[in-house]
Amino acid sequence: MNRKLTITVSEDVYQGLHRTIGRRRISQFIEKLARPHVVPAEIEAAYREMAADRAREQEALEWSEGLIADASR
């Protein structure tokens, strides 16, 4: 899940980000910079391992599809 975050930077930084990174890629750039400092590597490895488990992913998909059907009642 993604969350929206409002930050304040100087005009120089703002212009530099737009010029260097590009208008639609700043969020991704900041995420890549911050991630190693705030998300432990073990969590990323665990998420990759879970995503690689096809049986688990299929079960999760079936479960979530079942919830959607319940919501229409």
N, C-alpha and C. Protein backbone atom coordinates (compact mmCIF):
# COMPACT_ATOMS: atom_id res chain seq x y z
N MET A 1 0.84 -1.16 0.00
CA MET A 1 0.00 0.00 0.00
C MET A 1 0.89 1.24 0.00
N ASN A 2 0.59 2.18 -0.83
CA ASN A 2 1.31 3.44 -0.87
C ASN A 2 0.58 4.49 -0.06
N ARG A 3 1.34 5.38 0.53
CA ARG A 3 0.78 6.49 1.30
C ARG A 3 1.32 7.79 0.74
N LYS A 4 0.53 8.82 0.80
CA LYS A 4 0.94 10.13 0.32
C LYS A 4 1.61 10.89 1.46
N LEU A 5 2.70 11.57 1.15
CA LEU A 5 3.47 12.31 2.15
C LEU A 5 3.77 13.69 1.59
N THR A 6 3.53 14.70 2.37
CA THR A 6 3.85 16.06 1.96
C THR A 6 5.14 16.46 2.68
N ILE A 7 6.13 16.90 1.91
CA ILE A 7 7.39 17.36 2.50
C ILE A 7 7.68 18.77 2.01
N THR A 8 8.52 19.46 2.74
CA THR A 8 8.91 20.81 2.36
C THR A 8 10.40 20.82 2.08
N VAL A 9 10.78 21.34 0.92
CA VAL A 9 12.19 21.46 0.53
C VAL A 9 12.43 22.88 0.02
N SER A 10 13.68 23.26 -0.03
CA SER A 10 14.01 24.59 -0.55
C SER A 10 13.72 24.65 -2.05
N GLU A 11 13.60 25.85 -2.55
CA GLU A 11 13.34 26.05 -3.98
C GLU A 11 14.46 25.43 -4.82
N ASP A 12 15.71 25.54 -4.37
CA ASP A 12 16.84 24.96 -5.11
C ASP A 12 16.70 23.44 -5.23
N VAL A 13 16.35 22.80 -4.13
CA VAL A 13 16.19 21.33 -4.14
C VAL A 13 15.02 20.95 -5.04
N TYR A 14 13.93 21.68 -4.92
CA TYR A 14 12.75 21.41 -5.74
C TYR A 14 13.09 21.49 -7.23
N GLN A 15 13.72 22.58 -7.63
CA GLN A 15 14.09 22.75 -9.04
C GLN A 15 15.08 21.68 -9.48
N GLY A 16 16.03 21.35 -8.62
CA GLY A 16 17.01 20.31 -8.94
C GLY A 16 16.37 18.94 -9.12
N LEU A 17 15.42 18.61 -8.28
CA LEU A 17 14.72 17.33 -8.42
C LEU A 17 13.97 17.27 -9.74
N HIS A 18 13.27 18.33 -10.08
CA HIS A 18 12.53 18.35 -11.35
C HIS A 18 13.47 18.28 -12.54
N ARG A 19 14.57 19.00 -12.46
CA ARG A 19 15.51 19.04 -13.57
C ARG A 19 16.27 17.71 -13.72
N THR A 20 16.72 17.14 -12.60
CA THR A 20 17.59 15.97 -12.63
C THR A 20 16.82 14.65 -12.67
N ILE A 21 15.81 14.53 -11.85
CA ILE A 21 15.07 13.27 -11.70
C ILE A 21 13.89 13.19 -12.65
N GLY A 22 13.22 14.29 -12.83
CA GLY A 22 12.03 14.30 -13.68
C GLY A 22 10.77 14.37 -12.86
N ARG A 23 9.77 15.02 -13.40
CA ARG A 23 8.55 15.34 -12.68
C ARG A 23 7.83 14.11 -12.10
N ARG A 24 7.68 13.07 -12.83
CA ARG A 24 6.88 11.92 -12.37
C ARG A 24 7.71 10.83 -11.70
N ARG A 25 8.98 11.10 -11.41
CA ARG A 25 9.83 10.06 -10.83
C ARG A 25 10.42 10.44 -9.48
N ILE A 26 10.03 11.57 -8.94
CA ILE A 26 10.61 12.04 -7.68
C ILE A 26 10.24 11.13 -6.52
N SER A 27 8.99 10.70 -6.42
CA SER A 27 8.57 9.83 -5.31
C SER A 27 9.38 8.54 -5.30
N GLN A 28 9.53 7.94 -6.47
CA GLN A 28 10.30 6.69 -6.56
C GLN A 28 11.76 6.93 -6.16
N PHE A 29 12.33 8.04 -6.59
CA PHE A 29 13.71 8.40 -6.25
C PHE A 29 13.87 8.52 -4.73
N ILE A 30 12.97 9.24 -4.09
CA ILE A 30 13.05 9.43 -2.64
C ILE A 30 12.83 8.11 -1.90
N GLU A 31 11.92 7.28 -2.40
CA GLU A 31 11.68 5.97 -1.78
C GLU A 31 12.96 5.13 -1.81
N LYS A 32 13.63 5.10 -2.95
CA LYS A 32 14.86 4.31 -3.06
C LYS A 32 15.96 4.84 -2.15
N LEU A 33 16.02 6.15 -1.97
CA LEU A 33 17.01 6.73 -1.06
C LEU A 33 16.72 6.39 0.39
N ALA A 34 15.46 6.48 0.78
CA ALA A 34 15.08 6.32 2.18
C ALA A 34 14.98 4.86 2.62
N ARG A 35 14.54 3.98 1.73
CA ARG A 35 14.26 2.59 2.09
C ARG A 35 15.37 1.90 2.89
N PRO A 36 16.62 1.94 2.47
CA PRO A 36 17.65 1.22 3.23
C PRO A 36 17.83 1.74 4.65
N HIS A 37 17.39 2.95 4.91
CA HIS A 37 17.56 3.55 6.23
C HIS A 37 16.38 3.28 7.16
N VAL A 38 15.23 2.89 6.60
CA VAL A 38 14.04 2.76 7.44
C VAL A 38 13.36 1.39 7.36
N VAL A 39 13.70 0.56 6.39
CA VAL A 39 13.10 -0.76 6.25
C VAL A 39 14.20 -1.81 6.37
N PRO A 40 14.15 -2.63 7.42
CA PRO A 40 15.18 -3.66 7.58
C PRO A 40 15.22 -4.61 6.37
N ALA A 41 16.42 -5.00 5.99
CA ALA A 41 16.62 -5.88 4.83
C ALA A 41 15.88 -7.21 5.00
N GLU A 42 15.74 -7.69 6.23
CA GLU A 42 15.07 -8.97 6.45
C GLU A 42 13.61 -8.91 6.01
N ILE A 43 12.98 -7.77 6.17
CA ILE A 43 11.57 -7.64 5.77
C ILE A 43 11.45 -7.75 4.26
N GLU A 44 12.34 -7.09 3.53
CA GLU A 44 12.30 -7.17 2.07
C GLU A 44 12.52 -8.61 1.61
N ALA A 45 13.47 -9.30 2.22
CA ALA A 45 13.74 -10.69 1.85
C ALA A 45 12.52 -11.56 2.15
N ALA A 46 11.86 -11.31 3.26
CA ALA A 46 10.67 -12.10 3.62
C ALA A 46 9.54 -11.85 2.62
N TYR A 47 9.35 -10.59 2.22
CA TYR A 47 8.32 -10.29 1.23
C TYR A 47 8.63 -10.96 -0.11
N ARG A 48 9.88 -10.94 -0.51
CA ARG A 48 10.26 -11.60 -1.77
C ARG A 48 10.00 -13.10 -1.69
N GLU A 49 10.34 -13.69 -0.55
CA GLU A 49 10.12 -15.12 -0.35
C GLU A 49 8.63 -15.46 -0.39
N MET A 50 7.81 -14.65 0.26
CA MET A 50 6.36 -14.89 0.25
C MET A 50 5.81 -14.76 -1.16
N ALA A 51 6.26 -13.76 -1.91
CA ALA A 51 5.76 -13.56 -3.27
C ALA A 51 6.17 -14.69 -4.19
N ALA A 52 7.28 -15.34 -3.90
CA ALA A 52 7.76 -16.45 -4.73
C ALA A 52 6.99 -17.74 -4.46
N ASP A 53 6.27 -17.81 -3.35
CA ASP A 53 5.50 -19.00 -2.99
C ASP A 53 4.18 -18.97 -3.76
N ARG A 54 4.15 -19.64 -4.90
CA ARG A 54 2.99 -19.60 -5.79
C ARG A 54 1.73 -20.15 -5.13
N ALA A 55 1.84 -21.19 -4.35
CA ALA A 55 0.67 -21.78 -3.69
C ALA A 55 0.07 -20.78 -2.71
N ARG A 56 0.92 -20.12 -1.94
CA ARG A 56 0.45 -19.12 -0.99
C ARG A 56 -0.21 -17.95 -1.70
N GLU A 57 0.40 -17.51 -2.78
CA GLU A 57 -0.17 -16.39 -3.54
C GLU A 57 -1.53 -16.76 -4.14
N GLN A 58 -1.66 -17.99 -4.63
CA GLN A 58 -2.94 -18.44 -5.19
C GLN A 58 -4.01 -18.49 -4.10
N GLU A 59 -3.63 -19.01 -2.94
CA GLU A 59 -4.56 -19.07 -1.82
C GLU A 59 -5.00 -17.66 -1.40
N ALA A 60 -4.05 -16.74 -1.34
CA ALA A 60 -4.37 -15.36 -0.97
C ALA A 60 -5.30 -14.72 -2.00
N LEU A 61 -5.06 -14.98 -3.28
CA LEU A 61 -5.91 -14.44 -4.33
C LEU A 61 -7.33 -14.97 -4.20
N GLU A 62 -7.47 -16.29 -4.00
CA GLU A 62 -8.79 -16.90 -3.84
C GLU A 62 -9.51 -16.32 -2.63
N TRP A 63 -8.79 -16.14 -1.55
CA TRP A 63 -9.38 -15.58 -0.33
C TRP A 63 -9.87 -14.15 -0.60
N SER A 64 -9.03 -13.33 -1.23
CA SER A 64 -9.44 -11.94 -1.46
C SER A 64 -10.60 -11.86 -2.47
N GLU A 65 -10.61 -12.73 -3.46
CA GLU A 65 -11.73 -12.77 -4.40
C GLU A 65 -13.01 -13.15 -3.69
N GLY A 66 -12.93 -14.04 -2.70
CA GLY A 66 -14.09 -14.41 -1.92
C GLY A 66 -14.63 -13.25 -1.12
N LEU A 67 -13.75 -12.39 -0.63
CA LEU A 67 -14.18 -11.21 0.10
C LEU A 67 -14.94 -10.24 -0.79
N ILE A 68 -14.48 -10.12 -2.01
CA ILE A 68 -15.15 -9.22 -2.97
C ILE A 68 -16.57 -9.70 -3.22
N ALA A 69 -16.75 -10.99 -3.35
CA ALA A 69 -18.09 -11.54 -3.56
C ALA A 69 -18.99 -11.25 -2.36
N ASP A 70 -18.44 -11.33 -1.16
CA ASP A 70 -19.21 -11.04 0.04
C ASP A 70 -19.64 -9.58 0.10
N ALA A 71 -18.84 -8.70 -0.43
CA ALA A 71 -19.12 -7.26 -0.36
C ALA A 71 -20.32 -6.87 -1.23
N SER A 72 -20.62 -7.69 -2.22
CA SER A 72 -21.73 -7.34 -3.12
C SER A 72 -23.10 -7.71 -2.55
N ARG A 73 -23.13 -8.32 -1.42
CA ARG A 73 -24.39 -8.75 -0.82
C ARG A 73 -25.02 -7.65 -0.02
